[in-house]
Amino acid sequence: MTIKKLNHPPRILLSDKTEQELAPKISEILGPDGYVRVTAKQMHEGTADADFCFVSRDITGGSTKHKITPETQYVYDALRGSKALQWVHIHSAGVDRQIFLDLMARGVTVTSSSGASAGVVAQTALTGLLALARRFPQLAAAQRAHAWEPFFKVGLPPELEGQTATIVGWGPIGQKLAAWLKAIGLNIIVVRQSAASTIPDTRVISFAEFNNILPETDWLLLACPLTAQTNNLVSATALNLMKHSAHIVNISRGAVIDEPAMIDALKNGRLAGAYLDVFAQEPLPTESPLWDMANVIATPHTAGFSDAILQRMAEKFLENLGHYARNETFINIARLA
């Protein structure tokens, strides 16, 4: 998909920070005609409109999908009110916030920064898996209690080599995880749209077969986008099919799992543990039992954070801006399910 070239310099909604950092590069990409920087304030006042927008990380700030700060809502409202808006690029890989779904529904092209954080997210997921496998949460609790508790007291952890990891999603994150887990010695099953897809030395199944492979899965790694197909994929029924010794690693979206059913399984020994970076409600409510479970590692949707991630997100926006300037197809185009 390409964006039709405008007959005027593109008007781009950018945050102050992004304008300061990217202005030279944007001008270089767009050439002599340049661009016009637009603010959300101008759009609210009716003195300007935007053709394009880069929703950078500082715009979403402390907002989550479920709790939007007034500052973020101010920008979202400007986008909703725009009559000229054609393209929005967002800093995240996921595009399931309601504002972006609504914009796509009215014909606005939305592109993501998929791939920008893949390496860091995959590293975080692998860290969570290894920490659970070696029972670091329990060892850390013993350390805080000044208690010398060797594994012999609580049972020896099983070795990872020879276990089976099922990876849902075959994007950059899933591919990196598969390579690393194979190197450790795990057997890999990948869940994709079609079982006809081939991956060397890897078993591939379709979503229709998902429940069938759960009884043989030791590690269920969720690295898929949230769609109608993946919403509540890990249902109560699915959880009941899993080994009691199995673990879940979720770095996709909280709604992929039936969270109450998972909590019940964790409480009652029908699931050994979980590393969770995403939740059904974010921020995770203070009363959630997940905070205090000894077999759970819970992190505040930070799997993709690093000191270089903002730059890589901006590079994805600039890459697509270059595609616009050359009348080329965009990358990472989001589509309504």
Protein backbone atom coordinates (compact mmCIF):
# COMPACT_ATOMS: atom_id res chain seq x y z
CA MET A 1 0.00 0.00 0.00
CA THR A 2 1.23 3.49 -0.87
CA ILE A 3 -0.01 6.90 0.17
CA LYS A 4 -0.98 9.13 -2.73
CA LYS A 5 1.50 11.98 -3.10
CA LEU A 6 0.12 15.28 -1.86
CA ASN A 7 0.10 18.43 -3.97
CA HIS A 8 1.52 20.36 -1.04
CA PRO A 9 4.26 19.77 1.54
CA PRO A 10 2.95 17.18 4.01
CA ARG A 11 1.62 18.55 7.26
CA ILE A 12 2.94 16.27 10.00
CA LEU A 13 1.74 16.13 13.60
CA LEU A 14 4.83 15.66 15.79
CA SER A 15 5.58 16.13 19.46
CA ASP A 16 7.98 18.93 20.42
CA LYS A 17 10.64 16.38 21.32
CA THR A 18 10.30 14.47 18.06
CA GLU A 19 10.31 17.65 15.99
CA GLN A 20 13.54 18.74 17.64
CA GLU A 21 15.22 15.38 17.13
CA LEU A 22 13.99 14.42 13.65
CA ALA A 23 13.51 17.70 11.78
CA PRO A 24 16.82 17.50 9.84
CA LYS A 25 16.23 13.89 8.80
CA ILE A 26 12.61 14.55 7.78
CA SER A 27 13.70 17.52 5.67
CA GLU A 28 16.43 15.45 4.06
CA ILE A 29 13.95 12.71 3.13
CA LEU A 30 11.28 15.04 1.74
CA GLY A 31 13.68 17.23 -0.21
CA PRO A 32 13.32 20.89 -1.24
CA ASP A 33 9.57 21.10 -0.61
CA GLY A 34 10.05 19.97 2.97
CA TYR A 35 7.12 19.66 5.35
CA VAL A 36 4.97 21.66 7.75
CA ARG A 37 5.07 20.70 11.41
CA VAL A 38 1.62 20.68 13.04
CA THR A 39 0.73 20.54 16.74
CA ALA A 40 -2.30 19.01 18.42
CA LYS A 41 -3.10 22.48 19.82
CA GLN A 42 -3.36 23.91 16.30
CA MET A 43 -5.65 21.08 15.28
CA HIS A 44 -7.92 21.64 18.27
CA GLU A 45 -8.04 25.37 17.53
CA GLY A 46 -8.85 24.73 13.87
CA THR A 47 -5.85 26.68 12.60
CA ALA A 48 -4.15 23.67 11.03
CA ASP A 49 -4.76 20.06 10.06
CA ALA A 50 -2.41 17.12 9.63
CA ASP A 51 -1.89 14.76 6.73
CA PHE A 52 0.48 12.51 8.66
CA CYS A 53 1.26 11.82 12.32
CA PHE A 54 4.02 10.04 14.19
CA VAL A 55 2.66 8.90 17.55
CA SER A 56 6.00 8.75 19.32
CA ARG A 57 6.58 7.21 22.76
CA ASP A 58 6.49 10.58 24.52
CA ILE A 59 2.96 11.18 23.19
CA THR A 60 1.57 8.04 24.80
CA GLY A 61 3.67 8.76 27.91
CA GLY A 62 2.23 7.07 30.97
CA SER A 63 -0.90 5.92 29.14
CA THR A 64 -1.84 2.29 28.65
CA LYS A 65 -4.44 0.71 26.43
CA HIS A 66 -6.91 0.82 29.31
CA LYS A 67 -5.92 4.03 31.11
CA ILE A 68 -5.30 7.06 28.92
CA THR A 69 -3.82 10.21 30.42
CA PRO A 70 -5.34 13.60 29.50
CA GLU A 71 -2.20 14.55 27.58
CA THR A 72 -2.43 11.48 25.37
CA GLN A 73 -6.18 11.84 24.97
CA TYR A 74 -5.62 15.40 23.75
CA VAL A 75 -3.59 14.08 20.79
CA TYR A 76 -6.03 11.24 20.15
CA ASP A 77 -8.90 13.71 20.00
CA ALA A 78 -6.97 15.82 17.51
CA LEU A 79 -6.53 12.76 15.30
CA ARG A 80 -10.21 11.86 15.56
CA GLY A 81 -11.19 15.38 14.54
CA SER A 82 -8.83 15.57 11.57
CA LYS A 83 -10.42 15.71 8.12
CA ALA A 84 -7.15 15.49 6.18
CA LEU A 85 -5.42 12.66 8.05
CA GLN A 86 -4.14 9.93 5.74
CA TRP A 87 -1.36 8.14 7.61
CA VAL A 88 -0.42 7.51 11.25
CA HIS A 89 2.76 5.75 12.31
CA ILE A 90 2.90 4.50 15.89
CA HIS A 91 5.89 3.69 18.07
CA SER A 92 4.61 0.31 19.22
CA ALA A 93 4.37 -3.03 17.43
CA GLY A 94 0.77 -3.56 18.54
CA VAL A 95 -2.01 -1.56 16.91
CA ASP A 96 -4.93 -2.71 19.06
CA ARG A 97 -5.60 0.55 20.91
CA GLN A 98 -9.11 1.73 20.08
CA ILE A 99 -7.97 5.00 18.54
CA PHE A 100 -5.96 3.18 15.86
CA LEU A 101 -8.75 0.70 15.15
CA ASP A 102 -11.15 3.60 14.71
CA LEU A 103 -8.77 5.43 12.38
CA MET A 104 -8.26 2.33 10.25
CA ALA A 105 -12.02 1.81 10.06
CA ARG A 106 -12.41 5.23 8.46
CA GLY A 107 -9.65 4.60 5.92
CA VAL A 108 -6.55 6.05 7.56
CA THR A 109 -3.40 4.03 6.92
CA VAL A 110 -1.79 2.96 10.20
CA THR A 111 1.74 1.57 10.32
CA SER A 112 3.58 0.17 13.32
CA SER A 113 7.15 -0.08 14.53
CA SER A 114 7.06 -3.86 14.47
CA GLY A 115 10.58 -5.24 14.66
CA ALA A 116 12.08 -2.24 16.41
CA SER A 117 11.93 -3.89 19.82
CA ALA A 118 11.96 -7.53 18.71
CA GLY A 119 15.46 -8.30 19.93
CA VAL A 120 14.94 -6.77 23.36
CA VAL A 121 11.50 -8.38 23.80
CA ALA A 122 12.87 -11.78 22.81
CA GLN A 123 15.77 -11.37 25.26
CA THR A 124 13.31 -10.48 28.02
CA ALA A 125 11.08 -13.45 27.24
CA LEU A 126 14.10 -15.77 27.27
CA THR A 127 15.21 -14.27 30.59
CA GLY A 128 11.76 -14.89 32.07
CA LEU A 129 11.77 -18.48 30.85
CA LEU A 130 15.24 -19.19 32.25
CA ALA A 131 14.40 -17.51 35.56
CA LEU A 132 11.30 -19.68 35.96
CA ALA A 133 13.16 -22.81 34.88
CA ARG A 134 15.88 -22.23 37.46
CA ARG A 135 13.33 -21.06 40.08
CA PHE A 136 14.87 -17.65 40.56
CA PRO A 137 11.67 -16.16 42.09
CA GLN A 138 11.83 -18.70 44.90
CA LEU A 139 15.58 -18.29 45.31
CA ALA A 140 15.20 -14.49 45.41
CA ALA A 141 12.53 -14.81 48.11
CA ALA A 142 14.85 -17.04 50.13
CA GLN A 143 17.65 -14.50 49.72
CA ARG A 144 15.45 -11.69 51.06
CA ALA A 145 14.55 -13.91 54.01
CA HIS A 146 18.25 -14.68 54.64
CA ALA A 147 17.30 -18.36 54.24
CA TRP A 148 19.69 -20.97 52.86
CA GLU A 149 17.29 -23.09 50.80
CA PRO A 150 19.02 -25.38 48.29
CA PHE A 151 16.87 -27.08 45.68
CA PHE A 152 17.02 -30.31 47.64
CA LYS A 153 14.47 -28.85 50.05
CA VAL A 154 11.90 -27.96 47.38
CA GLY A 155 12.62 -30.49 44.64
CA LEU A 156 15.09 -30.30 41.80
CA PRO A 157 14.06 -28.30 38.71
CA PRO A 158 13.80 -30.26 35.46
CA GLU A 159 16.39 -29.69 32.75
CA LEU A 160 15.31 -27.68 29.74
CA GLU A 161 17.08 -29.84 27.17
CA GLY A 162 14.54 -32.14 25.55
CA GLN A 163 11.50 -30.12 26.70
CA THR A 164 9.00 -28.69 24.22
CA ALA A 165 8.36 -24.99 23.67
CA THR A 166 5.30 -23.95 21.70
CA ILE A 167 5.66 -20.48 20.19
CA VAL A 168 2.48 -18.70 19.10
CA GLY A 169 3.40 -16.15 16.45
CA TRP A 170 6.20 -16.22 13.91
CA GLY A 171 7.22 -12.60 13.71
CA PRO A 172 10.71 -11.31 14.57
CA ILE A 173 10.24 -12.11 18.28
CA GLY A 174 9.08 -15.68 17.73
CA GLN A 175 11.87 -16.35 15.25
CA LYS A 176 14.58 -15.14 17.62
CA LEU A 177 13.16 -17.15 20.50
CA ALA A 178 13.00 -20.30 18.41
CA ALA A 179 16.66 -19.98 17.40
CA TRP A 180 17.83 -19.46 20.98
CA LEU A 181 15.66 -22.20 22.47
CA LYS A 182 16.83 -24.67 19.82
CA ALA A 183 20.40 -23.85 20.80
CA ILE A 184 19.57 -24.70 24.41
CA GLY A 185 18.14 -28.03 23.28
CA LEU A 186 14.38 -27.52 23.35
CA ASN A 187 12.03 -28.95 20.75
CA ILE A 188 10.02 -26.22 19.01
CA ILE A 189 6.42 -26.15 17.83
CA VAL A 190 5.24 -23.02 16.02
CA VAL A 191 1.59 -21.99 15.75
CA ARG A 192 0.83 -20.14 12.50
CA GLN A 193 -2.16 -19.35 10.34
CA SER A 194 -1.49 -22.36 8.14
CA ALA A 195 0.12 -25.68 8.98
CA ALA A 196 1.30 -25.75 5.36
CA SER A 197 3.92 -23.13 6.25
CA THR A 198 7.36 -24.65 6.48
CA ILE A 199 10.16 -23.79 8.90
CA PRO A 200 13.37 -25.85 8.71
CA ASP A 201 13.66 -28.46 11.48
CA THR A 202 10.52 -27.10 13.16
CA ARG A 203 7.04 -28.50 13.57
CA VAL A 204 4.36 -26.09 12.39
CA ILE A 205 0.68 -26.32 13.27
CA SER A 206 -2.36 -24.14 12.58
CA PHE A 207 -4.45 -22.33 15.17
CA ALA A 208 -7.13 -24.99 14.63
CA GLU A 209 -4.71 -27.53 16.12
CA PHE A 210 -3.64 -25.35 19.06
CA ASN A 211 -5.45 -27.23 21.81
CA ASN A 212 -4.19 -30.55 20.45
CA ILE A 213 -0.54 -29.80 21.18
CA LEU A 214 -1.01 -28.36 24.68
CA PRO A 215 -0.67 -31.73 26.48
CA GLU A 216 2.90 -32.03 25.11
CA THR A 217 3.87 -28.39 25.71
CA ASP A 218 6.25 -27.56 28.56
CA TRP A 219 6.64 -23.86 27.71
CA LEU A 220 3.91 -21.84 26.00
CA LEU A 221 5.37 -18.63 24.61
CA LEU A 222 2.88 -16.05 23.35
CA ALA A 223 4.41 -13.65 20.81
CA CYS A 224 1.39 -12.98 18.61
CA PRO A 225 -0.66 -9.85 17.89
CA LEU A 226 -4.08 -9.49 19.46
CA THR A 227 -6.69 -10.38 16.84
CA ALA A 228 -10.13 -11.94 16.84
CA GLN A 229 -8.35 -15.27 16.44
CA THR A 230 -5.92 -14.85 19.33
CA ASN A 231 -8.28 -13.12 21.76
CA ASN A 232 -8.78 -15.56 24.68
CA LEU A 233 -6.72 -18.15 22.80
CA VAL A 234 -5.44 -19.54 26.11
CA SER A 235 -8.91 -20.24 27.46
CA ALA A 236 -9.95 -22.18 30.54
CA THR A 237 -10.32 -25.22 28.30
CA ALA A 238 -6.82 -24.76 26.92
CA LEU A 239 -5.34 -24.34 30.40
CA ASN A 240 -6.97 -27.57 31.54
CA LEU A 241 -5.21 -29.40 28.70
CA MET A 242 -1.74 -28.26 29.76
CA LYS A 243 0.67 -30.22 31.91
CA HIS A 244 0.67 -29.26 35.58
CA SER A 245 4.43 -28.76 35.16
CA ALA A 246 4.00 -26.36 32.22
CA HIS A 247 4.77 -22.64 32.20
CA ILE A 248 3.45 -19.65 30.23
CA VAL A 249 5.47 -16.71 28.93
CA ASN A 250 3.33 -13.84 27.64
CA ILE A 251 4.93 -10.87 25.89
CA SER A 252 2.06 -10.31 23.43
CA ARG A 253 -1.18 -8.94 24.88
CA GLY A 254 -3.00 -9.74 28.11
CA ALA A 255 -6.29 -10.55 26.39
CA VAL A 256 -4.68 -13.55 24.66
CA ILE A 257 -5.13 -15.36 27.99
CA ASP A 258 -8.23 -15.90 30.08
CA GLU A 259 -6.56 -14.24 33.05
CA PRO A 260 -8.97 -15.40 35.83
CA ALA A 261 -8.69 -18.98 34.57
CA MET A 262 -4.89 -18.72 34.52
CA ILE A 263 -4.81 -17.32 38.06
CA ASP A 264 -6.98 -20.21 39.21
CA ALA A 265 -4.64 -22.72 37.53
CA LEU A 266 -1.57 -21.08 39.11
CA LYS A 267 -3.20 -21.07 42.55
CA ASN A 268 -4.29 -24.68 42.41
CA GLY A 269 -1.18 -26.32 40.99
CA ARG A 270 -2.56 -26.91 37.49
CA LEU A 271 0.08 -24.60 36.02
CA ALA A 272 3.62 -24.45 37.36
CA GLY A 273 4.36 -20.78 36.70
CA ALA A 274 4.25 -17.79 34.39
CA TYR A 275 6.28 -14.83 33.22
CA LEU A 276 3.84 -12.04 32.32
CA ASP A 277 4.70 -8.64 30.87
CA VAL A 278 1.14 -7.91 29.70
CA PHE A 279 -2.20 -8.16 31.44
CA ALA A 280 -5.94 -8.05 30.84
CA GLN A 281 -6.02 -4.66 32.59
CA GLU A 282 -3.05 -2.28 32.60
CA PRO A 283 -1.79 -1.04 34.95
CA LEU A 284 -2.25 -4.35 36.74
CA PRO A 285 -4.74 -3.64 39.58
CA THR A 286 -3.11 -3.53 43.00
CA GLU A 287 -5.53 -6.19 44.24
CA SER A 288 -4.52 -8.72 41.57
CA PRO A 289 -3.20 -11.94 43.12
CA LEU A 290 -0.56 -12.09 40.39
CA TRP A 291 1.55 -9.57 42.34
CA ASP A 292 2.13 -11.97 45.22
CA MET A 293 2.34 -15.39 43.59
CA ALA A 294 5.65 -17.13 44.24
CA ASN A 295 5.50 -18.86 40.84
CA VAL A 296 4.85 -15.68 38.82
CA ILE A 297 7.17 -12.99 37.47
CA ALA A 298 5.13 -9.89 36.63
CA THR A 299 6.65 -6.89 34.86
CA PRO A 300 4.88 -3.63 33.87
CA HIS A 301 4.81 -4.02 30.06
CA THR A 302 8.50 -3.18 29.82
CA ALA A 303 9.81 -6.12 27.79
CA GLY A 304 10.74 -3.86 24.88
CA PHE A 305 12.41 -1.06 26.82
CA SER A 306 16.07 -0.23 26.24
CA ASP A 307 18.29 2.82 25.84
CA ALA A 308 18.20 2.45 22.03
CA ILE A 309 14.56 1.60 21.44
CA LEU A 310 13.27 5.15 20.87
CA GLN A 311 15.79 5.66 18.10
CA ARG A 312 14.80 2.40 16.39
CA MET A 313 11.11 3.34 16.59
CA ALA A 314 11.87 6.70 14.97
CA GLU A 315 13.84 4.92 12.26
CA LYS A 316 10.74 2.89 11.35
CA PHE A 317 8.78 6.13 10.91
CA LEU A 318 11.57 7.65 8.81
CA GLU A 319 11.79 4.49 6.72
CA ASN A 320 8.11 4.74 5.84
CA LEU A 321 8.41 8.47 5.22
CA GLY A 322 11.08 7.60 2.68
CA HIS A 323 8.73 5.11 1.07
CA TYR A 324 6.13 7.88 0.79
CA ALA A 325 8.65 10.24 -0.82
CA ARG A 326 9.55 7.59 -3.41
CA ASN A 327 5.98 6.36 -4.02
CA GLU A 328 6.87 2.96 -2.57
CA THR A 329 4.90 0.49 -0.49
CA PHE A 330 4.93 1.05 3.27
CA ILE A 331 6.23 -1.52 5.73
CA ASN A 332 4.32 -2.74 8.81
CA ILE A 333 0.87 -1.78 7.55
CA ALA A 334 -1.79 -2.63 10.14
CA ARG A 335 -5.03 -4.22 9.04
CA LEU A 336 -8.38 -4.66 10.73
CA ALA A 337 -9.03 -8.27 11.68
